[in-house]
């Protein structure tokens, strides 16, 4: 019961509001919604660019660590050839440390790739949503503009009729039914337009033994590469 009374008061209030103002408000609200959607899409797209830059830096770090590890192994090999086992051992220790960092860097690249893939998908969805919103907004503005034009014509006719009534009470007999039908058309179009608008993961830490196996594997591969230089 209370809800019905509220709806009745709301309907009465709507009837007292100039339909032209309601149409203009609907047009402005549509523009505001599209603008908010574009702002949200810009955040999503900016996030993708940020993740892409991080992914590139992670790849660069992998390349740098691999190069430094290889160089340390080359120096260790040269020191052994020169009969300097202590220096060779120092370079070997450095190579192992770098290889450990290389494992972390490779893991970081994998994480960045996963995040980047998700961001790319989100960007595609955001772009598509903005495009659909822009199309819908253009269509809605055309419809509301046509409705506003009809409302303006109706208001003008009402003003003319009122003037005629003041000039000649007899002329006020006119055709009230035709005017009422015109008013109903504007109200119906307005109601339809509003109705449609309303319808409108942590890095997987390797086990210690597995991690050491990975480091040994990297060192073996890069040692072979170093011995070939």
Protein backbone atom coordinates (compact mmCIF):
# COMPACT_ATOMS: atom_id res chain seq x y z
CA UNK A 1 0.00 0.00 0.00
CA UNK A 2 2.74 2.43 0.97
CA UNK A 3 4.61 1.61 -2.22
CA UNK A 4 1.53 2.31 -4.31
CA UNK A 5 1.03 5.68 -2.63
CA UNK A 6 4.67 6.59 -3.30
CA UNK A 7 4.30 5.68 -6.95
CA UNK A 8 1.14 7.79 -7.20
CA UNK A 9 2.91 10.83 -5.73
CA UNK A 10 5.87 10.23 -8.04
CA UNK A 11 3.61 10.06 -11.07
CA UNK A 12 1.87 13.27 -10.03
CA UNK A 13 5.22 15.00 -9.58
CA UNK A 14 6.39 13.81 -13.01
CA UNK A 15 3.27 15.25 -14.61
CA UNK A 16 4.03 18.65 -13.13
CA UNK A 17 7.57 18.62 -14.59
CA UNK A 18 8.00 20.07 -18.07
CA UNK A 19 8.56 17.02 -20.33
CA UNK A 20 11.11 19.03 -22.29
CA UNK A 21 13.23 19.36 -19.16
CA UNK A 22 12.90 15.64 -18.48
CA UNK A 23 14.08 14.89 -22.02
CA UNK A 24 17.08 17.20 -21.67
CA UNK A 25 17.95 15.55 -18.34
CA UNK A 26 17.74 12.12 -19.98
CA UNK A 27 20.11 13.28 -22.74
CA UNK A 28 22.59 14.70 -20.24
CA UNK A 29 22.42 11.57 -18.08
CA UNK A 30 23.18 9.42 -21.13
CA UNK A 31 26.25 11.55 -21.86
CA UNK A 32 27.41 11.31 -18.25
CA UNK A 33 27.07 7.53 -18.20
CA UNK A 34 29.09 7.19 -21.40
CA UNK A 35 31.75 9.53 -20.02
CA UNK A 36 32.07 7.46 -16.82
CA UNK A 37 32.35 4.31 -18.92
CA UNK A 38 35.15 5.84 -20.97
CA UNK A 39 37.01 6.82 -17.80
CA UNK A 40 36.77 3.26 -16.47
CA UNK A 41 37.97 1.88 -19.81
CA UNK A 42 40.93 4.29 -19.75
CA UNK A 43 41.99 2.86 -16.37
CA UNK A 44 41.86 -0.69 -17.76
CA UNK A 45 43.86 0.27 -20.85
CA UNK A 46 46.41 2.13 -18.75
CA UNK A 47 46.84 -0.96 -16.57
CA UNK A 48 47.62 -3.02 -19.67
CA UNK A 49 50.32 -0.54 -20.77
CA UNK A 50 51.85 -0.62 -17.28
CA UNK A 51 51.96 -4.44 -17.23
CA UNK A 52 53.40 -4.53 -20.73
CA UNK A 53 56.24 -2.23 -19.64
CA UNK A 54 56.91 -4.42 -16.56
CA UNK A 55 56.95 -7.53 -18.74
CA UNK A 56 59.50 -5.93 -21.07
CA UNK A 57 61.72 -4.96 -18.13
CA UNK A 58 61.48 -8.52 -16.75
CA UNK A 59 62.55 -9.94 -20.11
CA UNK A 60 65.47 -7.49 -20.27
CA UNK A 61 66.58 -8.60 -16.80
CA UNK A 62 66.54 -12.26 -17.87
CA UNK A 63 68.72 -11.44 -20.87
CA UNK A 64 71.10 -9.38 -18.72
CA UNK A 65 71.47 -12.09 -16.04
CA UNK A 66 72.03 -14.79 -18.62
CA UNK A 67 74.72 -12.68 -20.27
CA UNK A 68 76.44 -11.95 -16.94
CA UNK A 69 76.29 -15.60 -15.88
CA UNK A 70 77.80 -16.67 -19.19
CA UNK A 71 80.56 -14.07 -18.83
CA UNK A 72 81.39 -15.30 -15.32
CA UNK A 73 81.71 -18.85 -16.61
CA UNK A 74 83.94 -17.65 -19.48
CA UNK A 75 86.19 -15.91 -16.97
CA UNK A 76 86.27 -19.02 -14.77
CA UNK A 77 87.29 -21.15 -17.76
CA UNK A 78 90.04 -18.70 -18.70
CA UNK A 79 91.34 -18.63 -15.11
CA UNK A 80 91.56 -22.41 -15.00
CA UNK A 81 93.35 -22.43 -18.35
CA UNK A 82 95.78 -19.83 -16.99
CA UNK A 83 96.47 -22.00 -13.94
CA UNK A 84 94.67 -19.79 -11.43
CA UNK A 85 92.21 -22.10 -9.61
CA UNK A 86 91.36 -19.60 -6.88
CA UNK A 87 90.23 -16.99 -9.37
CA UNK A 88 88.39 -19.64 -11.34
CA UNK A 89 86.54 -20.71 -8.21
CA UNK A 90 85.58 -17.10 -7.46
CA UNK A 91 84.07 -16.71 -10.93
CA UNK A 92 82.23 -20.02 -10.49
CA UNK A 93 80.68 -18.78 -7.24
CA UNK A 94 79.64 -15.57 -8.97
CA UNK A 95 78.11 -17.54 -11.82
CA UNK A 96 76.08 -19.64 -9.38
CA UNK A 97 74.76 -16.55 -7.62
CA UNK A 98 73.77 -15.00 -10.93
CA UNK A 99 72.12 -18.24 -12.00
CA UNK A 100 69.99 -18.15 -8.85
CA UNK A 101 68.87 -14.62 -9.69
CA UNK A 102 68.19 -15.81 -13.23
CA UNK A 103 65.73 -18.40 -11.90
CA UNK A 104 63.84 -15.66 -10.06
CA UNK A 105 63.84 -13.48 -13.15
CA UNK A 106 62.44 -16.26 -15.34
CA UNK A 107 59.69 -16.84 -12.78
CA UNK A 108 58.89 -13.12 -12.83
CA UNK A 109 58.56 -13.17 -16.62
CA UNK A 110 56.06 -16.00 -16.36
CA UNK A 111 54.00 -14.09 -13.83
CA UNK A 112 54.11 -10.92 -15.92
CA UNK A 113 52.98 -12.87 -18.99
CA UNK A 114 49.96 -14.24 -17.14
CA UNK A 115 49.01 -10.80 -15.81
CA UNK A 116 49.52 -9.24 -19.21
CA UNK A 117 47.29 -11.79 -20.92
CA UNK A 118 44.50 -11.01 -18.47
CA UNK A 119 45.00 -7.27 -18.96
CA UNK A 120 44.85 -7.64 -22.76
CA UNK A 121 41.56 -9.49 -22.49
CA UNK A 122 40.18 -6.86 -20.12
CA UNK A 123 41.23 -4.11 -22.53
CA UNK A 124 39.44 -5.81 -25.41
CA UNK A 125 36.28 -6.04 -23.34
CA UNK A 126 36.58 -2.39 -22.27
CA UNK A 127 37.07 -1.16 -25.84
CA UNK A 128 34.13 -3.20 -27.07
CA UNK A 129 31.93 -1.93 -24.25
CA UNK A 130 32.79 1.70 -25.00
CA UNK A 131 32.06 1.21 -28.70
CA UNK A 132 28.65 -0.29 -27.93
CA UNK A 133 27.95 2.50 -25.46
CA UNK A 134 28.84 5.16 -28.03
CA UNK A 135 26.53 3.57 -30.60
CA UNK A 136 23.72 3.29 -28.08
CA UNK A 137 24.23 6.89 -26.96
CA UNK A 138 24.07 8.20 -30.52
CA UNK A 139 20.86 6.27 -31.16
CA UNK A 140 19.33 7.44 -27.88
CA UNK A 141 20.22 11.07 -28.54
CA UNK A 142 18.57 10.90 -31.94
CA UNK A 143 15.41 9.45 -30.40
CA UNK A 144 15.36 11.96 -27.55
CA UNK A 145 16.02 14.84 -29.93
CA UNK A 146 13.01 13.81 -32.00
CA UNK A 147 10.93 13.53 -28.84
CA UNK A 148 12.13 16.93 -27.68
CA UNK A 149 11.11 18.43 -31.00
CA UNK A 150 7.63 16.96 -30.61
CA UNK A 151 7.41 18.26 -27.07
CA UNK A 152 8.44 21.73 -28.25
CA UNK A 153 5.75 21.64 -30.94
CA UNK A 154 3.18 20.52 -28.41
CA UNK A 155 4.16 23.29 -26.01
CA UNK A 156 3.90 25.83 -28.80
CA UNK A 157 0.45 24.57 -29.76
CA UNK A 158 -0.67 24.74 -26.15
CA UNK A 159 0.50 28.34 -25.93
CA UNK A 160 -1.30 29.20 -29.16
CA UNK A 161 -4.48 27.57 -27.93
CA UNK A 162 -4.23 29.45 -24.64
CA UNK A 163 -3.81 32.74 -26.50
CA UNK A 164 -6.83 31.97 -28.65
CA UNK A 165 -8.88 31.20 -25.57
CA UNK A 166 -8.04 34.61 -24.17
CA UNK A 167 -8.93 36.30 -27.46
CA UNK A 168 -12.12 34.44 -28.19
CA UNK A 169 -13.81 32.17 -25.70
CA UNK A 170 -15.70 30.59 -28.58
CA UNK A 171 -12.46 29.60 -30.32
CA UNK A 172 -11.44 27.68 -27.21
CA UNK A 173 -13.92 24.98 -28.24
CA UNK A 174 -11.42 24.05 -31.02
CA UNK A 175 -10.46 20.37 -31.17
CA UNK A 176 -9.47 19.31 -27.62
CA UNK A 177 -9.47 15.65 -28.54
CA UNK A 178 -6.81 16.13 -31.22
CA UNK A 179 -4.65 18.09 -28.79
CA UNK A 180 -5.08 15.44 -26.15
CA UNK A 181 -3.99 12.77 -28.60
CA UNK A 182 -0.89 14.82 -29.45
CA UNK A 183 -0.09 15.22 -25.79
CA UNK A 184 -0.51 11.50 -25.24
CA UNK A 185 1.86 10.77 -28.14
CA UNK A 186 4.58 12.92 -26.56
CA UNK A 187 3.96 11.31 -23.17
CA UNK A 188 4.03 7.81 -24.68
CA UNK A 189 7.25 8.48 -26.61
CA UNK A 190 8.78 9.96 -23.50
CA UNK A 191 7.79 6.95 -21.39
CA UNK A 192 9.13 4.53 -24.00
CA UNK A 193 12.45 6.37 -24.29
CA UNK A 194 12.93 6.31 -20.52
CA UNK A 195 11.94 2.66 -20.34
CA UNK A 196 14.50 1.69 -22.97
CA UNK A 197 17.17 3.75 -21.27
CA UNK A 198 16.53 1.89 -18.02
CA UNK A 199 16.74 -1.46 -19.84
CA UNK A 200 19.80 0.01 -21.31
CA UNK A 201 47.57 -14.91 -8.05
CA UNK A 202 52.55 -15.96 -5.33
CA UNK A 203 55.38 -17.05 -7.26
CA UNK A 204 55.62 -20.78 -7.06
CA UNK A 205 58.63 -21.13 -4.94
CA UNK A 206 60.61 -24.07 -6.16
CA UNK A 207 61.47 -26.70 -3.63
CA UNK A 208 65.04 -26.36 -2.52
CA UNK A 209 66.19 -29.52 -4.30
CA UNK A 210 64.31 -28.63 -7.46
CA UNK A 211 65.67 -25.09 -7.35
CA UNK A 212 69.24 -26.34 -7.06
CA UNK A 213 68.62 -28.70 -9.97
CA UNK A 214 67.44 -25.77 -12.07
CA UNK A 215 70.50 -23.73 -11.11
CA UNK A 216 72.80 -26.66 -11.95
CA UNK A 217 71.06 -27.11 -15.27
CA UNK A 218 71.47 -23.43 -16.15
CA UNK A 219 75.13 -23.50 -15.14
CA UNK A 220 75.77 -26.62 -17.22
CA UNK A 221 74.13 -25.09 -20.27
CA UNK A 222 75.91 -21.76 -19.95
CA UNK A 223 79.24 -23.48 -19.08
CA UNK A 224 79.09 -25.36 -22.36
CA UNK A 225 78.33 -22.09 -24.09
CA UNK A 226 81.27 -20.41 -22.33
CA UNK A 227 83.69 -23.21 -23.18
CA UNK A 228 82.77 -22.79 -26.80
CA UNK A 229 83.80 -19.12 -26.78
